[in-house]
């Protein structure tokens, strides 16, 4: 093998942009193939050094891609929709996705699941369709309102309860928005756009 096809640990360190000690550790662990001369000096095939460099670049690129995806996900406004009927969940998903909001959606079929989801992920917006179960919907909203750290979460109730909408709205706590079912999609879209815009402004302010 010619001298141009092998390199010393110092040369390998320079190619890889790491310390000589790190190169020695890679050799010891078998990550880099090497041998010792009769004088006791390590020699490393240049191909092995370049291959390791390429593999590290690929790994870093993959990590960067994952980080970018996580960053993009973190930058989206999160919407949790609570509705027990699969058909209605699909309806909300289709409609909201068509509005081109910078938002992601998650769904729960009951208030208990919603409480677990909120505790784990703290969505930015909660849409609770009270048609699923009036008592469960009220219990969910009342439970959430007792947690101060959820005070910045937007909450909206959708209901087809046979009561005067104004009376229902007055019964809700301040900050909880009411929509009659079947929901006016233009109103819901405007509400969600406003919430998303507010979240984006808050993120920009926090990033200063």
Protein backbone atom coordinates (compact mmCIF):
# COMPACT_ATOMS: atom_id res chain seq x y z
CA UNK A 1 0.00 0.00 0.00
CA UNK A 2 1.48 3.38 -0.98
CA UNK A 3 2.10 6.23 1.44
CA UNK A 4 -0.61 8.29 -0.21
CA UNK A 5 -3.24 5.69 0.74
CA UNK A 6 -2.61 5.82 4.47
CA UNK A 7 -2.38 8.60 7.02
CA UNK A 8 -1.21 9.21 10.55
CA UNK A 9 -3.57 9.83 13.45
CA UNK A 10 -2.69 13.53 13.26
CA UNK A 11 -3.57 13.69 9.56
CA UNK A 12 -6.80 11.76 10.20
CA UNK A 13 -7.69 14.19 12.99
CA UNK A 14 -7.20 17.11 10.58
CA UNK A 15 -9.40 15.51 7.92
CA UNK A 16 -12.17 14.73 10.40
CA UNK A 17 -11.88 18.01 12.33
CA UNK A 18 -11.43 16.27 15.67
CA UNK A 19 -8.61 15.79 18.16
CA UNK A 20 -5.83 13.21 17.87
CA UNK A 21 -7.15 11.64 21.08
CA UNK A 22 -10.58 11.24 19.49
CA UNK A 23 -9.02 9.52 16.49
CA UNK A 24 -7.16 7.17 18.81
CA UNK A 25 -10.43 6.35 20.58
CA UNK A 26 -12.11 5.61 17.24
CA UNK A 27 -9.28 3.23 16.42
CA UNK A 28 -9.53 1.54 19.81
CA UNK A 29 -13.28 1.01 19.44
CA UNK A 30 -12.92 -0.30 15.89
CA UNK A 31 -14.76 2.62 14.27
CA UNK A 32 -11.58 3.26 12.24
CA UNK A 33 -9.40 0.49 10.87
CA UNK A 34 -5.69 0.93 11.68
CA UNK A 35 -2.47 -0.91 12.30
CA UNK A 36 0.91 -0.16 13.84
CA UNK A 37 4.21 0.05 12.04
CA UNK A 38 7.27 -1.77 13.30
CA UNK A 39 8.18 1.48 15.02
CA UNK A 40 4.87 1.47 16.92
CA UNK A 41 3.16 4.28 14.94
CA UNK A 42 -0.48 4.00 13.95
CA UNK A 43 -1.41 4.11 10.28
CA UNK A 44 -4.98 4.49 9.08
CA UNK A 45 -6.25 3.79 5.55
CA UNK A 46 -7.29 7.05 3.93
CA UNK A 47 -10.39 5.36 2.50
CA UNK A 48 -11.46 4.41 6.02
CA UNK A 49 -11.06 8.02 7.21
CA UNK A 50 -13.08 9.38 4.27
CA UNK A 51 -15.76 6.72 4.72
CA UNK A 52 -16.12 7.63 8.40
CA UNK A 53 -16.32 11.31 7.48
CA UNK A 54 -19.11 10.60 4.98
CA UNK A 55 -21.03 8.47 7.47
CA UNK A 56 -20.78 11.20 10.10
CA UNK A 57 -22.00 13.82 7.61
CA UNK A 58 -24.97 11.62 6.73
CA UNK A 59 -25.81 11.13 10.41
CA UNK A 60 -25.58 14.87 11.08
CA UNK A 61 -27.74 15.60 8.06
CA UNK A 62 -30.38 13.18 9.35
CA UNK A 63 -30.25 14.77 12.79
CA UNK A 64 -30.62 18.23 11.25
CA UNK A 65 -33.62 17.05 9.23
CA UNK A 66 -35.28 15.65 12.34
CA UNK A 67 -34.53 18.89 14.24
CA UNK A 68 -36.01 20.93 11.38
CA UNK A 69 -39.16 18.82 11.40
CA UNK A 70 -39.45 19.14 15.18
CA UNK A 71 -38.92 22.90 14.89
CA UNK A 72 -41.60 23.15 12.20
CA UNK A 73 -43.96 21.12 14.36
CA UNK A 74 -43.22 23.27 17.40
CA UNK A 75 -43.94 26.41 15.36
CA UNK A 76 -47.47 25.27 14.50
CA UNK A 77 -50.49 26.24 16.56
CA UNK A 78 -51.97 23.06 18.05
CA UNK A 79 -55.71 22.44 18.00
CA UNK A 80 -57.39 19.72 20.09
CA UNK A 81 -60.91 18.78 18.99
CA UNK A 82 -63.14 16.78 21.33
CA UNK A 83 -65.94 14.94 19.53
CA UNK A 84 -67.19 11.39 19.98
CA UNK A 85 -68.49 10.81 16.43
CA UNK A 86 -65.93 9.68 13.87
CA UNK A 87 -67.89 11.27 11.02
CA UNK A 88 -67.87 14.67 12.70
CA UNK A 89 -64.17 14.36 13.55
CA UNK A 90 -63.47 13.69 9.88
CA UNK A 91 -65.62 16.69 8.95
CA UNK A 92 -63.68 19.03 11.23
CA UNK A 93 -60.37 17.64 10.01
CA UNK A 94 -61.28 18.15 6.35
CA UNK A 95 -62.65 21.66 6.85
CA UNK A 96 -59.87 22.99 9.06
CA UNK A 97 -57.17 21.49 6.83
CA UNK A 98 -58.70 23.34 3.85
CA UNK A 99 -58.28 26.71 5.59
CA UNK A 100 -54.50 26.67 5.22
CA UNK A 101 -53.83 27.52 8.86
CA UNK A 102 -50.36 27.15 10.35
CA UNK A 103 -51.79 24.57 12.72
CA UNK A 104 -51.83 20.87 13.55
CA UNK A 105 -54.85 18.94 14.81
CA UNK A 106 -55.40 16.20 17.37
CA UNK A 107 -58.69 14.51 18.30
CA UNK A 108 -60.20 12.96 21.41
CA UNK A 109 -63.50 11.12 21.65
CA UNK A 110 -64.35 12.08 25.24
CA UNK A 111 -63.51 14.50 28.02
CA UNK A 112 -61.36 12.03 29.94
CA UNK A 113 -59.07 11.48 26.96
CA UNK A 114 -58.96 15.23 26.41
CA UNK A 115 -57.76 15.88 29.96
CA UNK A 116 -54.92 13.39 29.48
CA UNK A 117 -53.98 14.90 26.11
CA UNK A 118 -54.04 18.44 27.50
CA UNK A 119 -51.89 17.45 30.47
CA UNK A 120 -49.31 15.86 28.16
CA UNK A 121 -49.18 18.36 25.31
CA UNK A 122 -51.06 21.54 26.35
CA UNK A 123 -52.66 22.47 23.01
CA UNK A 124 -53.07 26.11 22.06
CA UNK A 125 -56.75 25.78 21.15
CA UNK A 126 -59.48 23.50 22.49
CA UNK A 127 -62.68 22.92 20.51
CA UNK A 128 -65.17 20.93 22.60
CA UNK A 129 -68.24 19.74 20.74
CA UNK A 130 -70.76 19.52 23.56
CA UNK A 131 -73.18 17.56 21.40
CA UNK A 132 -71.13 14.51 22.39
CA UNK A 133 -72.33 14.76 26.00
CA UNK A 134 -73.47 17.99 27.61
CA UNK A 135 -72.49 17.00 31.15
CA UNK A 136 -69.10 15.69 30.06
CA UNK A 137 -68.43 18.82 28.04
CA UNK A 138 -69.28 21.11 30.94
CA UNK A 139 -67.17 19.04 33.31
CA UNK A 140 -64.22 19.22 30.93
CA UNK A 141 -64.35 23.00 30.57
CA UNK A 142 -64.87 23.56 34.29
CA UNK A 143 -61.96 21.28 35.15
CA UNK A 144 -59.63 23.08 32.75
CA UNK A 145 -60.57 26.49 34.08
CA UNK A 146 -59.22 25.55 37.52
CA UNK A 147 -55.64 25.30 36.20
CA UNK A 148 -53.89 28.70 36.05
CA UNK A 149 -51.18 27.40 33.69
CA UNK A 150 -53.89 26.79 31.07
CA UNK A 151 -55.13 30.36 31.20
CA UNK A 152 -53.56 31.16 27.82
CA UNK A 153 -55.27 28.24 26.06
CA UNK A 154 -58.10 29.33 23.74
CA UNK A 155 -61.30 27.43 24.52
CA UNK A 156 -64.40 27.19 22.36
CA UNK A 157 -67.61 25.24 22.91
CA UNK A 158 -69.74 23.97 20.04
CA UNK A 159 -73.24 22.93 21.07
CA UNK A 160 -76.66 22.15 19.64
CA UNK A 161 -78.30 22.13 23.07
CA UNK A 162 -81.92 23.23 22.97
CA UNK A 163 -81.37 26.40 24.92
CA UNK A 164 -81.09 30.00 23.92
CA UNK A 165 -77.51 30.49 22.59
CA UNK A 166 -77.25 33.80 24.45
CA UNK A 167 -78.09 32.07 27.73
CA UNK A 168 -75.55 29.32 27.09
CA UNK A 169 -72.90 31.90 26.23
CA UNK A 170 -73.62 33.81 29.45
CA UNK A 171 -73.25 30.59 31.47
CA UNK A 172 -69.75 30.05 30.15
CA UNK A 173 -66.75 31.55 31.90
CA UNK A 174 -65.08 34.61 30.48
CA UNK A 175 -62.82 33.77 27.58
CA UNK A 176 -64.71 30.63 26.54
CA UNK A 177 -66.25 31.18 23.09
CA UNK A 178 -69.58 29.63 22.12
CA UNK A 179 -70.61 28.38 18.66
CA UNK A 180 -74.06 26.98 17.87
CA UNK A 181 -74.22 23.63 16.10
CA UNK A 182 -74.39 23.19 13.17
CA UNK A 183 -71.44 25.56 13.32
CA UNK A 184 -71.12 28.54 10.99
CA UNK A 185 -67.90 27.60 9.22
CA UNK A 186 -67.02 31.19 8.35
CA UNK A 187 -67.24 32.15 12.02
CA UNK A 188 -65.19 29.15 13.11
CA UNK A 189 -62.57 29.83 10.46
CA UNK A 190 -62.30 33.47 11.54
CA UNK A 191 -61.95 32.42 15.18
CA UNK A 192 -59.22 29.90 14.44
CA UNK A 193 -57.35 32.31 12.19
CA UNK A 194 -57.42 34.91 14.93
CA UNK A 195 -56.15 32.39 17.49
CA UNK A 196 -53.36 31.23 15.17
CA UNK A 197 -52.31 34.80 14.45
CA UNK A 198 -52.21 35.52 18.18
CA UNK A 199 -50.08 32.45 18.82
CA UNK A 200 -47.63 33.45 16.08
CA UNK A 201 -47.32 36.95 17.53
CA UNK A 202 -46.68 35.48 20.98
CA UNK A 203 -43.97 33.17 19.60
CA UNK A 204 -42.24 36.06 17.83
CA UNK A 205 -42.38 38.16 21.00
CA UNK A 206 -41.01 35.29 23.09
CA UNK A 207 -38.17 34.80 20.62
CA UNK A 208 -36.90 38.35 20.97
